[in-house]
Amino acid sequence: MFKKMMSGCLGLSLSLIVSVLIGCQNKFTYQRFEMVQVGCADKEEVKMTLGNPSEKPFKDLWWYYDNDATAKIYFDEKDTVKAKKWIDERTGEITCEPEGWIEE
C-alpha cells in the first residue's frame, strides 16, 4: 500500500513539473483537478496544480470555482488532501473522492 501511494506521489510530482514547465492559462480544469491525489498532495501541490483558491472558508477547506464548475479540496491535520469534490454546473455531474465521502 505504501509503495503504491509513493509511486502515485512520484507520478503526481512529475505531472506537476511538466505542468509548470509547459504553463497553463487556466489552471482550474477538471483534468488538473484529477491530478490532485487524495492522501498524497499537500496544499502547495494543490496550489501549483489548480492555482490559488477562490476562497478558504476554513483552514482545512479550499474552494475553487468559475462559471462552469466548483471544486472543494479538504485537508487533514497534516495539510494533506483527505477528500475532493467536483461539481459541473452545466451538467450537474458530481465527482467525489473517496467515493461516497460525506462532507463534514
N, C-alpha and C. Protein backbone atom coordinates (compact mmCIF):
# COMPACT_ATOMS: atom_id res chain seq x y z
N MET A 1 0.83 -1.19 0.00
CA MET A 1 0.00 0.00 0.00
C MET A 1 0.87 1.25 0.00
N PHE A 2 1.89 1.28 0.88
CA PHE A 2 2.76 2.44 0.97
C PHE A 2 3.52 2.65 -0.33
N LYS A 3 4.02 1.53 -0.91
CA LYS A 3 4.74 1.63 -2.19
C LYS A 3 3.84 2.19 -3.27
N LYS A 4 2.60 1.74 -3.31
CA LYS A 4 1.65 2.22 -4.32
C LYS A 4 1.39 3.71 -4.14
N MET A 5 1.24 4.15 -2.88
CA MET A 5 0.99 5.56 -2.62
C MET A 5 2.21 6.39 -3.00
N MET A 6 3.41 5.92 -2.68
CA MET A 6 4.63 6.65 -3.02
C MET A 6 4.81 6.72 -4.53
N SER A 7 4.47 5.65 -5.22
CA SER A 7 4.54 5.65 -6.68
C SER A 7 3.57 6.68 -7.25
N GLY A 8 2.39 6.75 -6.68
CA GLY A 8 1.41 7.74 -7.12
C GLY A 8 1.89 9.15 -6.84
N CYS A 9 2.54 9.35 -5.69
CA CYS A 9 3.08 10.67 -5.36
C CYS A 9 4.16 11.07 -6.34
N LEU A 10 5.02 10.13 -6.72
CA LEU A 10 6.07 10.41 -7.69
C LEU A 10 5.46 10.79 -9.02
N GLY A 11 4.42 10.07 -9.42
CA GLY A 11 3.74 10.39 -10.68
C GLY A 11 3.13 11.77 -10.62
N LEU A 12 2.54 12.12 -9.48
CA LEU A 12 1.96 13.45 -9.31
C LEU A 12 3.04 14.51 -9.40
N SER A 13 4.17 14.29 -8.74
CA SER A 13 5.26 15.26 -8.77
C SER A 13 5.76 15.47 -10.19
N LEU A 14 5.92 14.39 -10.95
CA LEU A 14 6.36 14.52 -12.34
C LEU A 14 5.32 15.27 -13.16
N SER A 15 4.05 14.99 -12.93
CA SER A 15 2.99 15.70 -13.65
C SER A 15 3.01 17.19 -13.33
N LEU A 16 3.26 17.51 -12.07
CA LEU A 16 3.32 18.92 -11.67
C LEU A 16 4.49 19.63 -12.33
N ILE A 17 5.64 18.97 -12.39
CA ILE A 17 6.81 19.57 -13.02
C ILE A 17 6.53 19.84 -14.49
N VAL A 18 5.96 18.87 -15.18
CA VAL A 18 5.63 19.05 -16.59
C VAL A 18 4.63 20.19 -16.76
N SER A 19 3.63 20.25 -15.90
CA SER A 19 2.62 21.30 -15.99
C SER A 19 3.23 22.69 -15.79
N VAL A 20 4.15 22.79 -14.84
CA VAL A 20 4.80 24.08 -14.58
C VAL A 20 5.67 24.48 -15.76
N LEU A 21 6.39 23.52 -16.32
CA LEU A 21 7.25 23.82 -17.46
C LEU A 21 6.45 24.22 -18.69
N ILE A 22 5.35 23.56 -18.93
CA ILE A 22 4.51 23.86 -20.09
C ILE A 22 3.75 25.15 -19.87
N GLY A 23 3.29 25.37 -18.67
CA GLY A 23 2.48 26.55 -18.36
C GLY A 23 1.04 26.31 -18.78
N CYS A 24 0.15 27.02 -18.14
CA CYS A 24 -1.26 26.84 -18.45
C CYS A 24 -2.00 28.12 -18.10
N GLN A 25 -2.79 28.62 -19.03
CA GLN A 25 -3.51 29.87 -18.80
C GLN A 25 -4.55 29.70 -17.69
N ASN A 26 -5.39 28.68 -17.79
CA ASN A 26 -6.41 28.43 -16.78
C ASN A 26 -6.08 27.14 -16.05
N LYS A 27 -5.64 27.26 -14.81
CA LYS A 27 -5.26 26.07 -14.05
C LYS A 27 -6.47 25.30 -13.54
N PHE A 28 -7.59 25.96 -13.37
CA PHE A 28 -8.76 25.31 -12.79
C PHE A 28 -9.56 24.59 -13.87
N THR A 29 -9.18 23.35 -14.12
CA THR A 29 -9.88 22.50 -15.09
C THR A 29 -10.10 21.13 -14.44
N TYR A 30 -11.03 20.36 -15.00
CA TYR A 30 -11.29 19.02 -14.46
C TYR A 30 -10.06 18.13 -14.61
N GLN A 31 -9.35 18.27 -15.72
CA GLN A 31 -8.15 17.45 -15.94
C GLN A 31 -7.11 17.73 -14.86
N ARG A 32 -6.93 18.98 -14.51
CA ARG A 32 -5.96 19.32 -13.46
C ARG A 32 -6.49 18.90 -12.08
N PHE A 33 -7.79 19.02 -11.86
CA PHE A 33 -8.41 18.57 -10.61
C PHE A 33 -8.12 17.08 -10.40
N GLU A 34 -8.20 16.29 -11.47
CA GLU A 34 -7.93 14.86 -11.37
C GLU A 34 -6.49 14.58 -10.97
N MET A 35 -5.57 15.49 -11.23
CA MET A 35 -4.16 15.30 -10.87
C MET A 35 -3.94 15.39 -9.36
N VAL A 36 -4.84 16.03 -8.65
CA VAL A 36 -4.72 16.16 -7.19
C VAL A 36 -5.07 14.82 -6.57
N GLN A 37 -4.10 14.20 -5.90
CA GLN A 37 -4.31 12.86 -5.36
C GLN A 37 -4.61 12.89 -3.87
N VAL A 38 -5.72 12.28 -3.51
CA VAL A 38 -6.12 12.15 -2.11
C VAL A 38 -5.08 11.32 -1.37
N GLY A 39 -4.69 11.78 -0.18
CA GLY A 39 -3.72 11.07 0.64
C GLY A 39 -2.29 11.32 0.24
N CYS A 40 -2.08 12.16 -0.76
CA CYS A 40 -0.73 12.37 -1.27
C CYS A 40 -0.39 13.86 -1.39
N ALA A 41 -1.24 14.61 -2.06
CA ALA A 41 -0.95 16.02 -2.34
C ALA A 41 -1.09 16.87 -1.08
N ASP A 42 -0.20 17.86 -0.96
CA ASP A 42 -0.32 18.83 0.13
C ASP A 42 -0.81 20.16 -0.43
N LYS A 43 -0.94 21.16 0.43
CA LYS A 43 -1.50 22.44 0.00
C LYS A 43 -0.67 23.09 -1.11
N GLU A 44 0.64 23.01 -1.01
CA GLU A 44 1.50 23.62 -2.04
C GLU A 44 1.29 22.94 -3.39
N GLU A 45 1.19 21.61 -3.39
CA GLU A 45 0.95 20.88 -4.64
C GLU A 45 -0.41 21.22 -5.23
N VAL A 46 -1.42 21.37 -4.37
CA VAL A 46 -2.75 21.75 -4.86
C VAL A 46 -2.68 23.13 -5.50
N LYS A 47 -1.99 24.06 -4.84
CA LYS A 47 -1.87 25.42 -5.36
C LYS A 47 -1.11 25.42 -6.69
N MET A 48 -0.07 24.60 -6.81
CA MET A 48 0.68 24.51 -8.07
C MET A 48 -0.19 23.92 -9.17
N THR A 49 -1.06 23.00 -8.82
CA THR A 49 -1.89 22.31 -9.81
C THR A 49 -3.11 23.14 -10.22
N LEU A 50 -3.83 23.69 -9.24
CA LEU A 50 -5.09 24.39 -9.52
C LEU A 50 -5.01 25.91 -9.44
N GLY A 51 -3.90 26.42 -8.92
CA GLY A 51 -3.78 27.86 -8.71
C GLY A 51 -4.26 28.23 -7.32
N ASN A 52 -4.34 29.52 -7.07
CA ASN A 52 -4.83 29.99 -5.77
C ASN A 52 -6.32 29.71 -5.64
N PRO A 53 -6.75 29.28 -4.46
CA PRO A 53 -8.18 29.01 -4.28
C PRO A 53 -9.01 30.28 -4.38
N SER A 54 -10.25 30.13 -4.81
CA SER A 54 -11.17 31.26 -4.85
C SER A 54 -11.52 31.71 -3.44
N GLU A 55 -11.65 30.74 -2.54
CA GLU A 55 -11.96 31.02 -1.13
C GLU A 55 -11.29 29.98 -0.24
N LYS A 56 -10.99 30.39 0.99
CA LYS A 56 -10.51 29.48 2.03
C LYS A 56 -11.40 29.69 3.25
N PRO A 57 -12.62 29.14 3.24
CA PRO A 57 -13.55 29.41 4.34
C PRO A 57 -13.09 28.84 5.68
N PHE A 58 -12.28 27.78 5.65
CA PHE A 58 -11.74 27.17 6.86
C PHE A 58 -10.30 26.76 6.57
N LYS A 59 -9.53 26.51 7.62
CA LYS A 59 -8.14 26.09 7.46
C LYS A 59 -8.03 24.81 6.64
N ASP A 60 -9.03 23.94 6.76
CA ASP A 60 -8.96 22.63 6.11
C ASP A 60 -9.83 22.52 4.85
N LEU A 61 -10.29 23.63 4.31
CA LEU A 61 -11.15 23.59 3.12
C LEU A 61 -10.81 24.73 2.17
N TRP A 62 -10.54 24.37 0.92
CA TRP A 62 -10.32 25.35 -0.14
C TRP A 62 -11.40 25.16 -1.18
N TRP A 63 -11.95 26.27 -1.69
CA TRP A 63 -12.94 26.25 -2.76
C TRP A 63 -12.34 26.86 -4.01
N TYR A 64 -12.65 26.24 -5.12
CA TYR A 64 -12.31 26.77 -6.44
C TYR A 64 -13.61 26.85 -7.22
N TYR A 65 -13.80 27.92 -7.98
CA TYR A 65 -14.99 27.97 -8.82
C TYR A 65 -14.81 28.96 -9.96
N ASP A 66 -15.55 28.69 -11.01
CA ASP A 66 -15.69 29.60 -12.13
C ASP A 66 -17.13 29.47 -12.62
N ASN A 67 -17.42 29.93 -13.81
CA ASN A 67 -18.80 29.89 -14.31
C ASN A 67 -19.32 28.47 -14.55
N ASP A 68 -18.42 27.53 -14.80
CA ASP A 68 -18.82 26.19 -15.20
C ASP A 68 -18.68 25.12 -14.13
N ALA A 69 -17.87 25.37 -13.10
CA ALA A 69 -17.59 24.30 -12.14
C ALA A 69 -17.22 24.85 -10.77
N THR A 70 -17.37 23.96 -9.79
CA THR A 70 -16.95 24.24 -8.41
C THR A 70 -16.17 23.03 -7.93
N ALA A 71 -15.08 23.29 -7.21
CA ALA A 71 -14.32 22.20 -6.60
C ALA A 71 -14.07 22.54 -5.15
N LYS A 72 -14.11 21.51 -4.32
CA LYS A 72 -13.79 21.66 -2.90
C LYS A 72 -12.66 20.68 -2.59
N ILE A 73 -11.63 21.19 -1.94
CA ILE A 73 -10.50 20.37 -1.54
C ILE A 73 -10.44 20.40 -0.02
N TYR A 74 -10.50 19.23 0.61
CA TYR A 74 -10.48 19.10 2.07
C TYR A 74 -9.12 18.56 2.50
N PHE A 75 -8.55 19.16 3.55
CA PHE A 75 -7.23 18.76 4.05
C PHE A 75 -7.34 18.16 5.44
N ASP A 76 -6.41 17.25 5.75
CA ASP A 76 -6.36 16.69 7.10
C ASP A 76 -5.48 17.57 7.99
N GLU A 77 -5.22 17.10 9.21
CA GLU A 77 -4.44 17.88 10.17
C GLU A 77 -2.98 18.08 9.74
N LYS A 78 -2.51 17.28 8.79
CA LYS A 78 -1.14 17.42 8.27
C LYS A 78 -1.11 18.20 6.96
N ASP A 79 -2.23 18.83 6.61
CA ASP A 79 -2.38 19.61 5.37
C ASP A 79 -2.23 18.77 4.11
N THR A 80 -2.58 17.49 4.21
CA THR A 80 -2.62 16.59 3.06
C THR A 80 -4.07 16.46 2.62
N VAL A 81 -4.29 16.34 1.32
CA VAL A 81 -5.66 16.22 0.80
C VAL A 81 -6.31 14.95 1.35
N LYS A 82 -7.45 15.11 2.03
CA LYS A 82 -8.17 13.93 2.53
C LYS A 82 -9.40 13.62 1.68
N ALA A 83 -9.89 14.61 0.93
CA ALA A 83 -11.03 14.39 0.05
C ALA A 83 -11.12 15.54 -0.94
N LYS A 84 -11.81 15.27 -2.04
CA LYS A 84 -12.02 16.33 -3.04
C LYS A 84 -13.36 16.10 -3.71
N LYS A 85 -13.95 17.20 -4.16
CA LYS A 85 -15.27 17.12 -4.77
C LYS A 85 -15.33 18.09 -5.95
N TRP A 86 -15.87 17.63 -7.08
CA TRP A 86 -16.03 18.43 -8.29
C TRP A 86 -17.51 18.48 -8.65
N ILE A 87 -18.01 19.67 -8.91
CA ILE A 87 -19.40 19.84 -9.33
C ILE A 87 -19.40 20.57 -10.66
N ASP A 88 -19.91 19.91 -11.70
CA ASP A 88 -20.02 20.52 -13.02
C ASP A 88 -21.35 21.25 -13.07
N GLU A 89 -21.30 22.57 -13.13
CA GLU A 89 -22.52 23.38 -13.07
C GLU A 89 -23.39 23.22 -14.32
N ARG A 90 -22.77 22.88 -15.46
CA ARG A 90 -23.53 22.72 -16.70
C ARG A 90 -24.32 21.42 -16.73
N THR A 91 -23.69 20.32 -16.32
CA THR A 91 -24.32 19.01 -16.41
C THR A 91 -24.93 18.53 -15.09
N GLY A 92 -24.51 19.14 -13.99
CA GLY A 92 -24.97 18.69 -12.68
C GLY A 92 -24.19 17.49 -12.16
N GLU A 93 -23.20 17.03 -12.92
CA GLU A 93 -22.39 15.87 -12.52
C GLU A 93 -21.54 16.22 -11.30
N ILE A 94 -21.49 15.28 -10.35
CA ILE A 94 -20.69 15.45 -9.14
C ILE A 94 -19.71 14.29 -9.05
N THR A 95 -18.45 14.62 -8.84
CA THR A 95 -17.40 13.62 -8.66
C THR A 95 -16.82 13.82 -7.27
N CYS A 96 -16.72 12.74 -6.52
CA CYS A 96 -16.23 12.83 -5.15
C CYS A 96 -15.20 11.73 -4.92
N GLU A 97 -14.09 12.09 -4.28
CA GLU A 97 -13.08 11.10 -3.93
C GLU A 97 -12.65 11.35 -2.49
N PRO A 98 -12.64 10.37 -1.62
CA PRO A 98 -13.03 9.00 -1.92
C PRO A 98 -14.53 8.91 -2.22
N GLU A 99 -14.86 7.93 -3.04
CA GLU A 99 -16.25 7.76 -3.47
C GLU A 99 -17.16 7.59 -2.26
N GLY A 100 -18.27 8.30 -2.27
CA GLY A 100 -19.23 8.21 -1.18
C GLY A 100 -18.87 9.06 0.02
N TRP A 101 -17.79 9.82 -0.09
CA TRP A 101 -17.36 10.67 1.03
C TRP A 101 -18.43 11.71 1.32
N ILE A 102 -18.71 11.91 2.59
CA ILE A 102 -19.73 12.88 3.01
C ILE A 102 -19.02 14.07 3.65
N GLU A 103 -19.40 15.26 3.22
CA GLU A 103 -18.80 16.47 3.76
C GLU A 103 -19.07 16.59 5.24
N GLU A 104 -18.07 17.04 5.95
CA GLU A 104 -18.19 17.19 7.41
C GLU A 104 -18.80 18.52 7.75
